[in-house]
Amino acid sequence: MKPNKIQALRDMSFEELSKELESTRAKLFGLKCQQLVGGGTSNTHNIKDLRRKIARIFTVLTENKLKNKKSA
């Protein structure tokens, strides 16, 4: 994984991360629907990429939560 992918997420605020998570989940839902219908069989790697991006976002959100907990 490139370090700048996770670093870009770490530089985002909570609101930006929430919006990014929402849009990424919507894209994933769309791709899964396309796959079920049979129209998007060539984009199967995109599903994996989006799932990993969602996991990265959750990781950064958890890091921020723990960081705020320690400082309080």
N, C-alpha and C. Protein backbone atom coordinates (compact mmCIF):
# COMPACT_ATOMS: atom_id res chain seq x y z
N MET A 1 0.84 -1.18 0.00
CA MET A 1 0.00 0.00 0.00
C MET A 1 0.88 1.23 0.00
N LYS A 2 0.50 2.20 -0.78
CA LYS A 2 1.26 3.44 -0.82
C LYS A 2 0.97 4.25 0.44
N PRO A 3 2.00 4.81 1.05
CA PRO A 3 1.77 5.56 2.28
C PRO A 3 0.94 6.82 2.07
N ASN A 4 0.95 7.39 0.89
CA ASN A 4 0.20 8.62 0.68
C ASN A 4 -1.31 8.39 0.63
N LYS A 5 -1.77 7.16 0.39
CA LYS A 5 -3.20 6.87 0.42
C LYS A 5 -3.73 7.03 1.84
N ILE A 6 -3.06 6.41 2.79
CA ILE A 6 -3.50 6.48 4.17
C ILE A 6 -3.21 7.86 4.75
N GLN A 7 -2.15 8.47 4.30
CA GLN A 7 -1.80 9.80 4.81
C GLN A 7 -2.84 10.83 4.37
N ALA A 8 -3.33 10.70 3.16
CA ALA A 8 -4.37 11.61 2.68
C ALA A 8 -5.62 11.49 3.54
N LEU A 9 -5.95 10.26 3.96
CA LEU A 9 -7.10 10.07 4.83
C LEU A 9 -6.84 10.62 6.22
N ARG A 10 -5.62 10.48 6.70
CA ARG A 10 -5.29 10.99 8.04
C ARG A 10 -5.34 12.51 8.10
N ASP A 11 -5.13 13.16 6.98
CA ASP A 11 -5.17 14.62 6.93
C ASP A 11 -6.59 15.17 6.87
N MET A 12 -7.58 14.31 6.64
CA MET A 12 -8.96 14.76 6.52
C MET A 12 -9.59 14.95 7.90
N SER A 13 -10.59 15.82 7.94
CA SER A 13 -11.34 16.01 9.18
C SER A 13 -12.39 14.91 9.31
N PHE A 14 -13.05 14.88 10.48
CA PHE A 14 -14.07 13.87 10.73
C PHE A 14 -15.21 13.97 9.72
N GLU A 15 -15.63 15.18 9.42
CA GLU A 15 -16.73 15.39 8.47
C GLU A 15 -16.35 14.92 7.07
N GLU A 16 -15.12 15.23 6.67
CA GLU A 16 -14.66 14.80 5.34
C GLU A 16 -14.57 13.28 5.27
N LEU A 17 -14.10 12.66 6.34
CA LEU A 17 -14.02 11.20 6.37
C LEU A 17 -15.41 10.58 6.30
N SER A 18 -16.35 11.17 7.00
CA SER A 18 -17.72 10.66 6.98
C SER A 18 -18.31 10.75 5.58
N LYS A 19 -18.09 11.86 4.90
CA LYS A 19 -18.60 12.03 3.54
C LYS A 19 -17.92 11.04 2.58
N GLU A 20 -16.61 10.87 2.75
CA GLU A 20 -15.86 9.93 1.91
C GLU A 20 -16.35 8.50 2.13
N LEU A 21 -16.62 8.15 3.38
CA LEU A 21 -17.13 6.82 3.70
C LEU A 21 -18.49 6.60 3.06
N GLU A 22 -19.35 7.58 3.15
CA GLU A 22 -20.69 7.48 2.57
C GLU A 22 -20.63 7.32 1.05
N SER A 23 -19.80 8.12 0.40
CA SER A 23 -19.71 8.04 -1.06
C SER A 23 -19.07 6.72 -1.51
N THR A 24 -18.09 6.25 -0.77
CA THR A 24 -17.43 4.99 -1.11
C THR A 24 -18.39 3.82 -0.95
N ARG A 25 -19.19 3.86 0.11
CA ARG A 25 -20.18 2.80 0.30
C ARG A 25 -21.22 2.81 -0.81
N ALA A 26 -21.61 4.00 -1.26
CA ALA A 26 -22.57 4.10 -2.35
C ALA A 26 -21.99 3.53 -3.65
N LYS A 27 -20.72 3.83 -3.91
CA LYS A 27 -20.06 3.28 -5.10
C LYS A 27 -20.00 1.76 -5.03
N LEU A 28 -19.66 1.23 -3.84
CA LEU A 28 -19.58 -0.21 -3.66
C LEU A 28 -20.94 -0.86 -3.89
N PHE A 29 -21.98 -0.24 -3.35
CA PHE A 29 -23.33 -0.77 -3.55
C PHE A 29 -23.68 -0.79 -5.03
N GLY A 30 -23.35 0.27 -5.74
CA GLY A 30 -23.63 0.33 -7.18
C GLY A 30 -22.90 -0.75 -7.96
N LEU A 31 -21.65 -0.97 -7.62
CA LEU A 31 -20.87 -2.00 -8.31
C LEU A 31 -21.41 -3.39 -8.02
N LYS A 32 -21.83 -3.63 -6.77
CA LYS A 32 -22.38 -4.94 -6.43
C LYS A 32 -23.69 -5.18 -7.16
N CYS A 33 -24.49 -4.13 -7.29
CA CYS A 33 -25.75 -4.26 -8.04
C CYS A 33 -25.48 -4.55 -9.51
N GLN A 34 -24.50 -3.87 -10.08
CA GLN A 34 -24.13 -4.11 -11.48
C GLN A 34 -23.67 -5.55 -11.67
N GLN A 35 -22.91 -6.04 -10.70
CA GLN A 35 -22.39 -7.40 -10.80
C GLN A 35 -23.54 -8.42 -10.73
N LEU A 36 -24.53 -8.15 -9.88
CA LEU A 36 -25.67 -9.05 -9.78
C LEU A 36 -26.49 -9.08 -11.06
N VAL A 37 -26.63 -7.94 -11.69
CA VAL A 37 -27.39 -7.86 -12.93
C VAL A 37 -26.59 -8.49 -14.07
N GLY A 38 -25.28 -8.43 -13.98
CA GLY A 38 -24.45 -9.03 -15.00
C GLY A 38 -23.78 -8.03 -15.91
N GLY A 39 -23.90 -6.75 -15.61
CA GLY A 39 -23.35 -5.74 -16.49
C GLY A 39 -21.93 -5.33 -16.17
N GLY A 40 -21.44 -5.58 -14.98
CA GLY A 40 -20.14 -5.08 -14.60
C GLY A 40 -19.14 -6.15 -14.26
N THR A 41 -19.06 -7.19 -15.04
CA THR A 41 -18.17 -8.30 -14.72
C THR A 41 -16.70 -7.94 -14.87
N SER A 42 -16.39 -6.88 -15.63
CA SER A 42 -14.99 -6.52 -15.83
C SER A 42 -14.46 -5.64 -14.71
N ASN A 43 -15.33 -5.19 -13.79
CA ASN A 43 -14.92 -4.30 -12.72
C ASN A 43 -14.85 -4.99 -11.36
N THR A 44 -14.55 -6.26 -11.34
CA THR A 44 -14.53 -6.98 -10.07
C THR A 44 -13.39 -6.50 -9.17
N HIS A 45 -12.30 -6.03 -9.73
CA HIS A 45 -11.19 -5.54 -8.90
C HIS A 45 -11.56 -4.24 -8.20
N ASN A 46 -12.50 -3.48 -8.77
CA ASN A 46 -12.94 -2.24 -8.14
C ASN A 46 -13.65 -2.50 -6.82
N ILE A 47 -14.37 -3.61 -6.73
CA ILE A 47 -15.07 -3.96 -5.49
C ILE A 47 -14.04 -4.18 -4.39
N LYS A 48 -12.99 -4.90 -4.70
CA LYS A 48 -11.93 -5.15 -3.72
C LYS A 48 -11.27 -3.85 -3.29
N ASP A 49 -11.00 -2.97 -4.23
CA ASP A 49 -10.37 -1.69 -3.92
C ASP A 49 -11.26 -0.83 -3.02
N LEU A 50 -12.55 -0.82 -3.31
CA LEU A 50 -13.47 -0.02 -2.50
C LEU A 50 -13.61 -0.58 -1.08
N ARG A 51 -13.63 -1.91 -0.97
CA ARG A 51 -13.70 -2.52 0.36
C ARG A 51 -12.45 -2.18 1.18
N ARG A 52 -11.31 -2.16 0.55
CA ARG A 52 -10.08 -1.79 1.25
C ARG A 52 -10.08 -0.32 1.64
N LYS A 53 -10.63 0.53 0.77
CA LYS A 53 -10.70 1.95 1.08
C LYS A 53 -11.61 2.19 2.28
N ILE A 54 -12.73 1.47 2.34
CA ILE A 54 -13.62 1.58 3.49
C ILE A 54 -12.91 1.14 4.76
N ALA A 55 -12.13 0.08 4.68
CA ALA A 55 -11.38 -0.39 5.84
C ALA A 55 -10.35 0.65 6.28
N ARG A 56 -9.70 1.31 5.34
CA ARG A 56 -8.74 2.36 5.67
C ARG A 56 -9.43 3.51 6.38
N ILE A 57 -10.60 3.89 5.90
CA ILE A 57 -11.33 5.00 6.51
C ILE A 57 -11.70 4.63 7.95
N PHE A 58 -12.19 3.41 8.16
CA PHE A 58 -12.52 2.99 9.52
C PHE A 58 -11.29 2.96 10.42
N THR A 59 -10.15 2.57 9.86
CA THR A 59 -8.91 2.55 10.63
C THR A 59 -8.54 3.96 11.08
N VAL A 60 -8.63 4.92 10.18
CA VAL A 60 -8.29 6.30 10.52
C VAL A 60 -9.27 6.86 11.54
N LEU A 61 -10.55 6.54 11.39
CA LEU A 61 -11.54 7.01 12.37
C LEU A 61 -11.25 6.44 13.76
N THR A 62 -10.88 5.17 13.82
CA THR A 62 -10.54 4.56 15.11
C THR A 62 -9.27 5.17 15.69
N GLU A 63 -8.27 5.43 14.85
CA GLU A 63 -7.04 6.08 15.32
C GLU A 63 -7.35 7.44 15.92
N ASN A 64 -8.21 8.21 15.23
CA ASN A 64 -8.57 9.54 15.72
C ASN A 64 -9.32 9.45 17.04
N LYS A 65 -10.21 8.47 17.15
CA LYS A 65 -10.98 8.30 18.37
C LYS A 65 -10.06 7.95 19.54
N LEU A 66 -9.11 7.06 19.32
CA LEU A 66 -8.17 6.68 20.37
C LEU A 66 -7.24 7.83 20.74
N LYS A 67 -6.84 8.60 19.75
CA LYS A 67 -5.97 9.75 19.99
C LYS A 67 -6.70 10.78 20.85
N ASN A 68 -7.96 11.02 20.55
CA ASN A 68 -8.74 11.99 21.33
C ASN A 68 -9.01 11.48 22.74
N LYS A 69 -9.16 10.17 22.87
CA LYS A 69 -9.41 9.57 24.18
C LYS A 69 -8.19 9.71 25.09
N LYS A 70 -6.99 9.51 24.52
CA LYS A 70 -5.77 9.60 25.30
C LYS A 70 -5.49 11.04 25.74
N SER A 71 -5.81 11.99 24.87
CA SER A 71 -5.52 13.39 25.18
C SER A 71 -6.52 13.97 26.18
N ALA A 72 -7.68 13.34 26.32
CA ALA A 72 -8.70 13.86 27.24
C ALA A 72 -8.51 13.36 28.64
